[in-house]
Amino acid sequence: MQLKTLILPLFLTLPLAGCGLVYKVDIPQGNYIEEKQVSQLRRGMSPEQVRFLLGNPMSLDGFNSDRWVYLYYFKPGRGEVEQKQLILNFTNNALVSITGDYSAPEAFEQGL
């Protein structure tokens, strides 16, 4: 009888003990781009060179194939959501501008 009175409260409290330990999955989506990759971009680079450096863009504008959009979205299990975007514009198959959350590197204007 005494053993039952000790085991019963244990079984009732075990499910409640794990409630604060729920694991939440990190959700990364898109292109993760580092500053060191962006710092290698130069005016006049071809689309092939940019694709080699950064990978395929997340979004190509259906009406303007000279505008490439790299998007990154990261939702951690706990914490703040992180979003970044990099927009590259080409003219005559040459990179001409960088906009978005990354700034153009100082050497960008020097070209190739």
N, C-alpha and C. Protein backbone atom coordinates (compact mmCIF):
# COMPACT_ATOMS: atom_id res chain seq x y z
N MET A 1 0.82 -1.20 0.00
CA MET A 1 0.00 0.00 0.00
C MET A 1 0.86 1.26 0.00
N GLN A 2 1.91 1.24 0.73
CA GLN A 2 2.77 2.41 0.83
C GLN A 2 3.51 2.66 -0.50
N LEU A 3 3.87 1.60 -1.22
CA LEU A 3 4.55 1.73 -2.51
C LEU A 3 3.65 2.42 -3.53
N LYS A 4 2.35 2.10 -3.53
CA LYS A 4 1.41 2.72 -4.45
C LYS A 4 1.29 4.21 -4.19
N THR A 5 1.32 4.61 -2.95
CA THR A 5 1.19 6.03 -2.64
C THR A 5 2.42 6.82 -3.05
N LEU A 6 3.58 6.17 -3.17
CA LEU A 6 4.79 6.84 -3.64
C LEU A 6 4.86 6.88 -5.16
N ILE A 7 4.41 5.83 -5.84
CA ILE A 7 4.52 5.73 -7.30
C ILE A 7 3.46 6.57 -7.99
N LEU A 8 2.26 6.63 -7.47
CA LEU A 8 1.17 7.37 -8.12
C LEU A 8 1.50 8.85 -8.32
N PRO A 9 1.98 9.59 -7.32
CA PRO A 9 2.33 11.00 -7.57
C PRO A 9 3.48 11.15 -8.58
N LEU A 10 4.37 10.18 -8.61
CA LEU A 10 5.48 10.23 -9.57
C LEU A 10 4.95 10.16 -11.00
N PHE A 11 4.03 9.26 -11.27
CA PHE A 11 3.46 9.12 -12.60
C PHE A 11 2.60 10.32 -13.00
N LEU A 12 2.03 10.98 -12.04
CA LEU A 12 1.20 12.15 -12.35
C LEU A 12 2.04 13.39 -12.64
N THR A 13 3.24 13.48 -12.08
CA THR A 13 4.08 14.66 -12.28
C THR A 13 5.05 14.51 -13.45
N LEU A 14 5.35 13.31 -13.90
CA LEU A 14 6.29 13.12 -15.00
C LEU A 14 5.84 13.80 -16.31
N PRO A 15 4.59 13.67 -16.73
CA PRO A 15 4.19 14.36 -17.96
C PRO A 15 4.32 15.88 -17.86
N LEU A 16 4.12 16.44 -16.69
CA LEU A 16 4.22 17.89 -16.52
C LEU A 16 5.67 18.37 -16.51
N ALA A 17 6.59 17.52 -16.15
CA ALA A 17 8.00 17.91 -16.07
C ALA A 17 8.58 18.22 -17.44
N GLY A 18 8.10 17.59 -18.50
CA GLY A 18 8.65 17.80 -19.83
C GLY A 18 8.03 18.95 -20.60
N CYS A 19 7.05 19.62 -20.06
CA CYS A 19 6.36 20.68 -20.79
C CYS A 19 7.27 21.84 -21.19
N GLY A 20 8.24 22.16 -20.38
CA GLY A 20 9.14 23.27 -20.70
C GLY A 20 10.28 22.88 -21.60
N LEU A 21 10.36 21.63 -21.97
CA LEU A 21 11.48 21.15 -22.77
C LEU A 21 11.09 20.85 -24.21
N VAL A 22 10.08 21.49 -24.72
CA VAL A 22 9.63 21.25 -26.09
C VAL A 22 10.66 21.82 -27.05
N TYR A 23 11.10 20.99 -27.99
CA TYR A 23 12.09 21.42 -28.97
C TYR A 23 11.39 22.06 -30.16
N LYS A 24 11.84 23.23 -30.55
CA LYS A 24 11.29 23.90 -31.72
C LYS A 24 12.36 23.94 -32.79
N VAL A 25 11.98 23.58 -33.99
CA VAL A 25 12.91 23.44 -35.10
C VAL A 25 13.23 24.80 -35.71
N ASP A 26 14.51 25.02 -36.06
CA ASP A 26 14.90 26.20 -36.82
C ASP A 26 14.47 26.00 -38.26
N ILE A 27 13.94 27.06 -38.89
CA ILE A 27 13.47 26.96 -40.27
C ILE A 27 14.22 27.97 -41.13
N PRO A 28 15.26 27.53 -41.86
CA PRO A 28 15.93 28.42 -42.81
C PRO A 28 15.34 28.23 -44.21
N GLN A 29 15.15 29.32 -44.94
CA GLN A 29 14.65 29.25 -46.30
C GLN A 29 15.38 30.25 -47.16
N GLY A 30 15.65 29.89 -48.39
CA GLY A 30 16.25 30.81 -49.34
C GLY A 30 17.75 30.67 -49.44
N ASN A 31 18.38 31.76 -49.88
CA ASN A 31 19.82 31.81 -50.11
C ASN A 31 20.51 32.49 -48.95
N TYR A 32 21.34 31.75 -48.22
CA TYR A 32 22.14 32.38 -47.17
C TYR A 32 23.39 32.96 -47.83
N ILE A 33 23.55 34.26 -47.74
CA ILE A 33 24.68 34.94 -48.37
C ILE A 33 25.46 35.67 -47.30
N GLU A 34 26.77 35.49 -47.31
CA GLU A 34 27.64 36.15 -46.34
C GLU A 34 28.21 37.42 -46.95
N GLU A 35 28.62 38.35 -46.08
CA GLU A 35 29.22 39.61 -46.52
C GLU A 35 30.46 39.37 -47.38
N LYS A 36 31.24 38.33 -47.07
CA LYS A 36 32.46 38.08 -47.84
C LYS A 36 32.12 37.69 -49.28
N GLN A 37 30.96 37.08 -49.52
CA GLN A 37 30.55 36.79 -50.89
C GLN A 37 30.16 38.07 -51.62
N VAL A 38 29.40 38.92 -50.95
CA VAL A 38 28.96 40.19 -51.55
C VAL A 38 30.17 41.07 -51.83
N SER A 39 31.19 41.02 -50.97
CA SER A 39 32.38 41.86 -51.16
C SER A 39 33.17 41.48 -52.42
N GLN A 40 32.89 40.33 -53.00
CA GLN A 40 33.59 39.89 -54.21
C GLN A 40 32.86 40.32 -55.49
N LEU A 41 31.67 40.89 -55.35
CA LEU A 41 30.92 41.34 -56.53
C LEU A 41 31.56 42.59 -57.11
N ARG A 42 31.61 42.65 -58.44
CA ARG A 42 32.18 43.79 -59.15
C ARG A 42 31.26 44.20 -60.28
N ARG A 43 31.22 45.49 -60.54
CA ARG A 43 30.46 46.00 -61.70
C ARG A 43 31.02 45.35 -62.96
N GLY A 44 30.13 44.89 -63.82
CA GLY A 44 30.55 44.29 -65.07
C GLY A 44 30.63 42.77 -65.05
N MET A 45 30.42 42.16 -63.88
CA MET A 45 30.44 40.69 -63.82
C MET A 45 29.29 40.13 -64.66
N SER A 46 29.54 38.99 -65.28
CA SER A 46 28.51 38.34 -66.09
C SER A 46 27.55 37.58 -65.17
N PRO A 47 26.35 37.27 -65.65
CA PRO A 47 25.43 36.47 -64.84
C PRO A 47 26.02 35.11 -64.43
N GLU A 48 26.83 34.53 -65.29
CA GLU A 48 27.46 33.24 -64.96
C GLU A 48 28.44 33.39 -63.80
N GLN A 49 29.20 34.48 -63.78
CA GLN A 49 30.13 34.72 -62.69
C GLN A 49 29.40 34.95 -61.37
N VAL A 50 28.31 35.69 -61.42
CA VAL A 50 27.51 35.96 -60.21
C VAL A 50 26.88 34.67 -59.72
N ARG A 51 26.37 33.87 -60.64
CA ARG A 51 25.75 32.59 -60.25
C ARG A 51 26.78 31.66 -59.62
N PHE A 52 28.01 31.67 -60.13
CA PHE A 52 29.08 30.86 -59.55
C PHE A 52 29.39 31.31 -58.13
N LEU A 53 29.38 32.62 -57.90
CA LEU A 53 29.73 33.19 -56.60
C LEU A 53 28.61 33.03 -55.57
N LEU A 54 27.36 33.31 -55.97
CA LEU A 54 26.24 33.35 -55.03
C LEU A 54 25.25 32.20 -55.16
N GLY A 55 25.32 31.46 -56.24
CA GLY A 55 24.32 30.42 -56.49
C GLY A 55 23.14 30.99 -57.26
N ASN A 56 22.15 30.16 -57.48
CA ASN A 56 20.97 30.60 -58.22
C ASN A 56 20.13 31.54 -57.36
N PRO A 57 19.57 32.58 -57.97
CA PRO A 57 18.71 33.49 -57.20
C PRO A 57 17.43 32.79 -56.78
N MET A 58 16.87 33.25 -55.68
CA MET A 58 15.63 32.68 -55.17
C MET A 58 14.46 33.06 -56.07
N SER A 59 14.54 34.24 -56.63
CA SER A 59 13.43 34.75 -57.43
C SER A 59 13.96 35.50 -58.64
N LEU A 60 13.43 35.13 -59.80
CA LEU A 60 13.72 35.88 -61.02
C LEU A 60 12.45 36.62 -61.39
N ASP A 61 12.58 37.88 -61.70
CA ASP A 61 11.44 38.70 -62.08
C ASP A 61 10.93 38.22 -63.44
N GLY A 62 9.68 37.82 -63.51
CA GLY A 62 9.10 37.31 -64.75
C GLY A 62 9.01 38.35 -65.85
N PHE A 63 8.98 39.61 -65.49
CA PHE A 63 8.87 40.67 -66.47
C PHE A 63 10.22 41.32 -66.77
N ASN A 64 11.21 41.06 -65.94
CA ASN A 64 12.52 41.68 -66.11
C ASN A 64 13.59 40.64 -65.75
N SER A 65 14.11 39.95 -66.75
CA SER A 65 15.09 38.89 -66.49
C SER A 65 16.44 39.45 -66.07
N ASP A 66 16.61 40.76 -66.12
CA ASP A 66 17.87 41.39 -65.71
C ASP A 66 17.86 41.77 -64.23
N ARG A 67 16.85 41.37 -63.50
CA ARG A 67 16.76 41.66 -62.06
C ARG A 67 16.72 40.34 -61.30
N TRP A 68 17.75 40.11 -60.49
CA TRP A 68 17.83 38.89 -59.69
C TRP A 68 17.61 39.24 -58.23
N VAL A 69 16.81 38.43 -57.54
CA VAL A 69 16.51 38.66 -56.13
C VAL A 69 16.94 37.44 -55.32
N TYR A 70 17.81 37.67 -54.37
CA TYR A 70 18.24 36.64 -53.42
C TYR A 70 17.55 36.94 -52.10
N LEU A 71 16.77 35.98 -51.62
CA LEU A 71 16.03 36.15 -50.37
C LEU A 71 16.50 35.13 -49.34
N TYR A 72 16.54 35.54 -48.08
CA TYR A 72 16.87 34.63 -46.99
C TYR A 72 15.93 34.91 -45.83
N TYR A 73 15.34 33.84 -45.32
CA TYR A 73 14.41 33.94 -44.20
C TYR A 73 14.81 32.86 -43.19
N PHE A 74 15.02 33.24 -41.94
CA PHE A 74 15.40 32.29 -40.91
C PHE A 74 14.51 32.49 -39.69
N LYS A 75 13.76 31.46 -39.36
CA LYS A 75 12.89 31.50 -38.18
C LYS A 75 13.45 30.49 -37.17
N PRO A 76 14.14 31.00 -36.14
CA PRO A 76 14.69 30.07 -35.14
C PRO A 76 13.58 29.52 -34.25
N GLY A 77 13.85 28.37 -33.64
CA GLY A 77 12.89 27.79 -32.71
C GLY A 77 12.55 28.75 -31.60
N ARG A 78 13.53 29.48 -31.16
CA ARG A 78 13.34 30.51 -30.13
C ARG A 78 14.15 31.73 -30.57
N GLY A 79 13.57 32.88 -30.49
CA GLY A 79 14.29 34.09 -30.86
C GLY A 79 13.62 34.85 -31.99
N GLU A 80 14.36 35.80 -32.53
CA GLU A 80 13.83 36.71 -33.53
C GLU A 80 14.00 36.16 -34.95
N VAL A 81 13.04 36.47 -35.80
CA VAL A 81 13.09 36.10 -37.21
C VAL A 81 14.11 37.00 -37.91
N GLU A 82 14.88 36.42 -38.81
CA GLU A 82 15.88 37.18 -39.58
C GLU A 82 15.50 37.11 -41.06
N GLN A 83 15.46 38.26 -41.71
CA GLN A 83 15.17 38.33 -43.14
C GLN A 83 16.20 39.21 -43.81
N LYS A 84 16.69 38.77 -44.96
CA LYS A 84 17.63 39.57 -45.73
C LYS A 84 17.31 39.41 -47.21
N GLN A 85 17.60 40.46 -47.96
CA GLN A 85 17.42 40.38 -49.39
C GLN A 85 18.55 41.11 -50.10
N LEU A 86 18.90 40.58 -51.25
CA LEU A 86 19.92 41.17 -52.10
C LEU A 86 19.35 41.23 -53.50
N ILE A 87 19.34 42.41 -54.08
CA ILE A 87 18.79 42.59 -55.43
C ILE A 87 19.92 43.03 -56.34
N LEU A 88 20.10 42.28 -57.42
CA LEU A 88 21.15 42.58 -58.40
C LEU A 88 20.49 42.95 -59.72
N ASN A 89 20.98 44.00 -60.35
CA ASN A 89 20.47 44.42 -61.65
C ASN A 89 21.56 44.30 -62.70
N PHE A 90 21.19 43.75 -63.84
CA PHE A 90 22.10 43.55 -64.96
C PHE A 90 21.64 44.40 -66.15
N THR A 91 22.58 44.84 -66.95
CA THR A 91 22.30 45.50 -68.22
C THR A 91 23.29 44.93 -69.24
N ASN A 92 22.76 44.45 -70.36
CA ASN A 92 23.60 43.84 -71.40
C ASN A 92 24.51 42.75 -70.84
N ASN A 93 23.92 41.87 -70.01
CA ASN A 93 24.64 40.76 -69.38
C ASN A 93 25.83 41.20 -68.53
N ALA A 94 25.71 42.36 -67.89
CA ALA A 94 26.76 42.84 -66.99
C ALA A 94 26.10 43.40 -65.73
N LEU A 95 26.64 43.04 -64.58
CA LEU A 95 26.12 43.53 -63.30
C LEU A 95 26.34 45.04 -63.20
N VAL A 96 25.26 45.78 -62.87
CA VAL A 96 25.38 47.24 -62.80
C VAL A 96 25.05 47.81 -61.42
N SER A 97 24.23 47.10 -60.61
CA SER A 97 23.91 47.67 -59.31
C SER A 97 23.55 46.59 -58.29
N ILE A 98 23.74 46.96 -57.02
CA ILE A 98 23.41 46.11 -55.88
C ILE A 98 22.53 46.93 -54.94
N THR A 99 21.39 46.36 -54.53
CA THR A 99 20.54 47.01 -53.54
C THR A 99 20.05 45.95 -52.55
N GLY A 100 19.35 46.39 -51.53
CA GLY A 100 18.82 45.48 -50.54
C GLY A 100 19.48 45.68 -49.19
N ASP A 101 19.57 44.61 -48.43
CA ASP A 101 20.12 44.67 -47.08
C ASP A 101 21.65 44.60 -47.04
N TYR A 102 22.26 44.41 -48.16
CA TYR A 102 23.72 44.39 -48.25
C TYR A 102 24.18 45.64 -48.98
N SER A 103 25.25 46.24 -48.53
CA SER A 103 25.76 47.41 -49.23
C SER A 103 26.79 46.97 -50.27
N ALA A 104 26.89 47.76 -51.32
CA ALA A 104 27.87 47.45 -52.37
C ALA A 104 29.28 47.61 -51.79
N PRO A 105 30.17 46.69 -52.11
CA PRO A 105 31.54 46.81 -51.61
C PRO A 105 32.25 48.02 -52.20
N GLU A 106 33.26 48.52 -51.51
CA GLU A 106 34.01 49.68 -52.01
C GLU A 106 34.61 49.43 -53.38
N ALA A 107 35.06 48.22 -53.62
CA ALA A 107 35.71 47.89 -54.89
C ALA A 107 34.72 47.60 -56.01
N PHE A 108 33.42 47.68 -55.72
CA PHE A 108 32.41 47.37 -56.73
C PHE A 108 32.52 48.28 -57.95
N GLU A 109 32.73 49.56 -57.73
CA GLU A 109 32.79 50.52 -58.83
C GLU A 109 34.05 50.38 -59.69
N GLN A 110 35.07 49.72 -59.16
CA GLN A 110 36.29 49.54 -59.95
C GLN A 110 36.07 48.58 -61.11
N GLY A 111 35.07 47.73 -61.00
CA GLY A 111 34.77 46.78 -62.07
C GLY A 111 35.78 45.66 -62.10
N LEU A 112 35.71 44.94 -63.20
CA LEU A 112 36.60 43.77 -63.36
C LEU A 112 37.99 44.14 -63.78
